[in-house]
Amino acid sequence: MTTAALSSKGQITIPARVRAALGVEAGDRVEFVEVAPGRFEINAATRSVTALKGMFGKYEGPAVSIEEMNAVIEARGASAK
């Protein structure tokens, strides 16, 4: 198990082994995700939005206009209230 100490300013130094496993370095961002009460997961938040391209495959359905998208968003928003 790898541990780190909390400073008086609320800061921690992520151990080198953990930084290497996450692929992060100085200046990179990490996010803390609560997975259960009092339990957090740390994730590297360094990927560019372009890394998401192709994640779900190509859309094969009919073309949808901006107006149609806006209408659906408006309807869903109204039903959520």
C-alpha atoms as a PDB file:
ATOM      1  CA  MET A   1       0.000   0.000   0.000  1.00  0.00           C
ATOM      2  CA  THR A   2       1.228   3.478  -0.872  1.00  0.00           C
ATOM      3  CA  THR A   3       0.510   6.345   1.534  1.00  0.00           C
ATOM      4  CA  ALA A   4       0.993  10.116   1.606  1.00  0.00           C
ATOM      5  CA  ALA A   5       0.898  12.677   4.422  1.00  0.00           C
ATOM      6  CA  LEU A   6      -1.448  15.657   4.479  1.00  0.00           C
ATOM      7  CA  SER A   7       0.259  19.029   5.042  1.00  0.00           C
ATOM      8  CA  SER A   8      -1.116  21.765   7.284  1.00  0.00           C
ATOM      9  CA  LYS A   9      -2.339  23.493   4.088  1.00  0.00           C
ATOM     10  CA  GLY A  10      -4.375  20.425   3.044  1.00  0.00           C
ATOM     11  CA  GLN A  11      -1.892  19.393   0.350  1.00  0.00           C
ATOM     12  CA  ILE A  12      -0.502  15.962  -0.431  1.00  0.00           C
ATOM     13  CA  THR A  13       2.353  14.799  -2.597  1.00  0.00           C
ATOM     14  CA  ILE A  14       1.256  11.937  -4.811  1.00  0.00           C
ATOM     15  CA  PRO A  15       3.906   9.230  -4.523  1.00  0.00           C
ATOM     16  CA  ALA A  16       6.055   8.626  -7.630  1.00  0.00           C
ATOM     17  CA  ARG A  17       4.694   5.102  -8.085  1.00  0.00           C
ATOM     18  CA  VAL A  18       1.115   6.402  -8.175  1.00  0.00           C
ATOM     19  CA  ARG A  19       1.999   9.295 -10.518  1.00  0.00           C
ATOM     20  CA  ALA A  20       3.640   6.840 -12.897  1.00  0.00           C
ATOM     21  CA  ALA A  21       0.629   4.504 -12.835  1.00  0.00           C
ATOM     22  CA  LEU A  22      -1.724   7.424 -13.552  1.00  0.00           C
ATOM     23  CA  GLY A  23       0.575   8.849 -16.209  1.00  0.00           C
ATOM     24  CA  VAL A  24       0.558  12.317 -14.634  1.00  0.00           C
ATOM     25  CA  GLU A  25       3.346  14.807 -14.106  1.00  0.00           C
ATOM     26  CA  ALA A  26       3.790  18.315 -12.731  1.00  0.00           C
ATOM     27  CA  GLY A  27       1.006  20.626 -13.896  1.00  0.00           C
ATOM     28  CA  ASP A  28      -1.414  17.827 -14.805  1.00  0.00           C
ATOM     29  CA  ARG A  29      -4.833  17.679 -13.185  1.00  0.00           C
ATOM     30  CA  VAL A  30      -6.397  14.828 -11.249  1.00  0.00           C
ATOM     31  CA  GLU A  31      -9.992  14.385 -10.166  1.00  0.00           C
ATOM     32  CA  PHE A  32     -11.356  12.800  -7.019  1.00  0.00           C
ATOM     33  CA  VAL A  33     -14.531  10.765  -7.518  1.00  0.00           C
ATOM     34  CA  GLU A  34     -16.563   9.644  -4.509  1.00  0.00           C
ATOM     35  CA  VAL A  35     -17.314   5.955  -5.069  1.00  0.00           C
ATOM     36  CA  ALA A  36     -18.847   5.328  -1.638  1.00  0.00           C
ATOM     37  CA  PRO A  37     -19.327   7.447   1.489  1.00  0.00           C
ATOM     38  CA  GLY A  38     -15.819   8.322   2.674  1.00  0.00           C
ATOM     39  CA  ARG A  39     -14.132   6.494  -0.243  1.00  0.00           C
ATOM     40  CA  PHE A  40     -12.658   8.282  -3.240  1.00  0.00           C
ATOM     41  CA  GLU A  41     -11.025   7.232  -6.476  1.00  0.00           C
ATOM     42  CA  ILE A  42      -8.313   9.387  -8.054  1.00  0.00           C
ATOM     43  CA  ASN A  43      -8.272   9.677 -11.849  1.00  0.00           C
ATOM     44  CA  ALA A  44      -5.984  11.462 -14.256  1.00  0.00           C
ATOM     45  CA  ALA A  45      -7.879  14.345 -15.870  1.00  0.00           C
ATOM     46  CA  THR A  46      -5.274  15.084 -18.504  1.00  0.00           C
ATOM     47  CA  ARG A  47      -6.792  13.699 -21.680  1.00  0.00           C
ATOM     48  CA  SER A  48      -7.821  16.080 -24.395  1.00  0.00           C
ATOM     49  CA  VAL A  49     -11.433  16.072 -25.503  1.00  0.00           C
ATOM     50  CA  THR A  50     -10.182  14.830 -28.874  1.00  0.00           C
ATOM     51  CA  ALA A  51      -9.281  11.532 -27.165  1.00  0.00           C
ATOM     52  CA  LEU A  52     -13.027  10.869 -26.949  1.00  0.00           C
ATOM     53  CA  LYS A  53     -13.392  10.804 -30.736  1.00  0.00           C
ATOM     54  CA  GLY A  54     -14.656   7.447 -31.951  1.00  0.00           C
ATOM     55  CA  MET A  55     -15.395   6.167 -28.465  1.00  0.00           C
ATOM     56  CA  PHE A  56     -18.925   5.102 -29.401  1.00  0.00           C
ATOM     57  CA  GLY A  57     -18.499   4.312 -33.070  1.00  0.00           C
ATOM     58  CA  LYS A  58     -20.061   6.096 -35.986  1.00  0.00           C
ATOM     59  CA  TYR A  59     -23.695   7.195 -35.772  1.00  0.00           C
ATOM     60  CA  GLU A  60     -25.717   5.342 -38.410  1.00  0.00           C
ATOM     61  CA  GLY A  61     -29.145   6.851 -37.741  1.00  0.00           C
ATOM     62  CA  PRO A  62     -30.992   9.593 -39.602  1.00  0.00           C
ATOM     63  CA  ALA A  63     -29.615  13.127 -39.643  1.00  0.00           C
ATOM     64  CA  VAL A  64     -31.055  15.356 -36.925  1.00  0.00           C
ATOM     65  CA  SER A  65     -31.283  19.129 -37.272  1.00  0.00           C
ATOM     66  CA  ILE A  66     -30.300  21.605 -34.579  1.00  0.00           C
ATOM     67  CA  GLU A  67     -33.955  22.616 -34.305  1.00  0.00           C
ATOM     68  CA  GLU A  68     -34.970  18.993 -33.638  1.00  0.00           C
ATOM     69  CA  MET A  69     -32.243  18.638 -31.013  1.00  0.00           C
ATOM     70  CA  ASN A  70     -33.346  21.856 -29.301  1.00  0.00           C
ATOM     71  CA  ALA A  71     -36.978  20.703 -29.279  1.00  0.00           C
ATOM     72  CA  VAL A  72     -36.058  17.408 -27.599  1.00  0.00           C
ATOM     73  CA  ILE A  73     -33.852  19.185 -25.043  1.00  0.00           C
ATOM     74  CA  GLU A  74     -36.655  21.638 -24.267  1.00  0.00           C
ATOM     75  CA  ALA A  75     -39.229  18.834 -23.876  1.00  0.00           C
ATOM     76  CA  ARG A  76     -36.955  16.790 -21.607  1.00  0.00           C
ATOM     77  CA  GLY A  77     -36.130  19.857 -19.526  1.00  0.00           C
ATOM     78  CA  ALA A  78     -39.811  20.694 -19.088  1.00  0.00           C
ATOM     79  CA  SER A  79     -40.673  17.127 -18.055  1.00  0.00           C
ATOM     80  CA  ALA A  80     -37.877  17.096 -15.448  1.00  0.00           C
ATOM     81  CA  LYS A  81     -39.400  19.998 -13.504  1.00  0.00           C
END
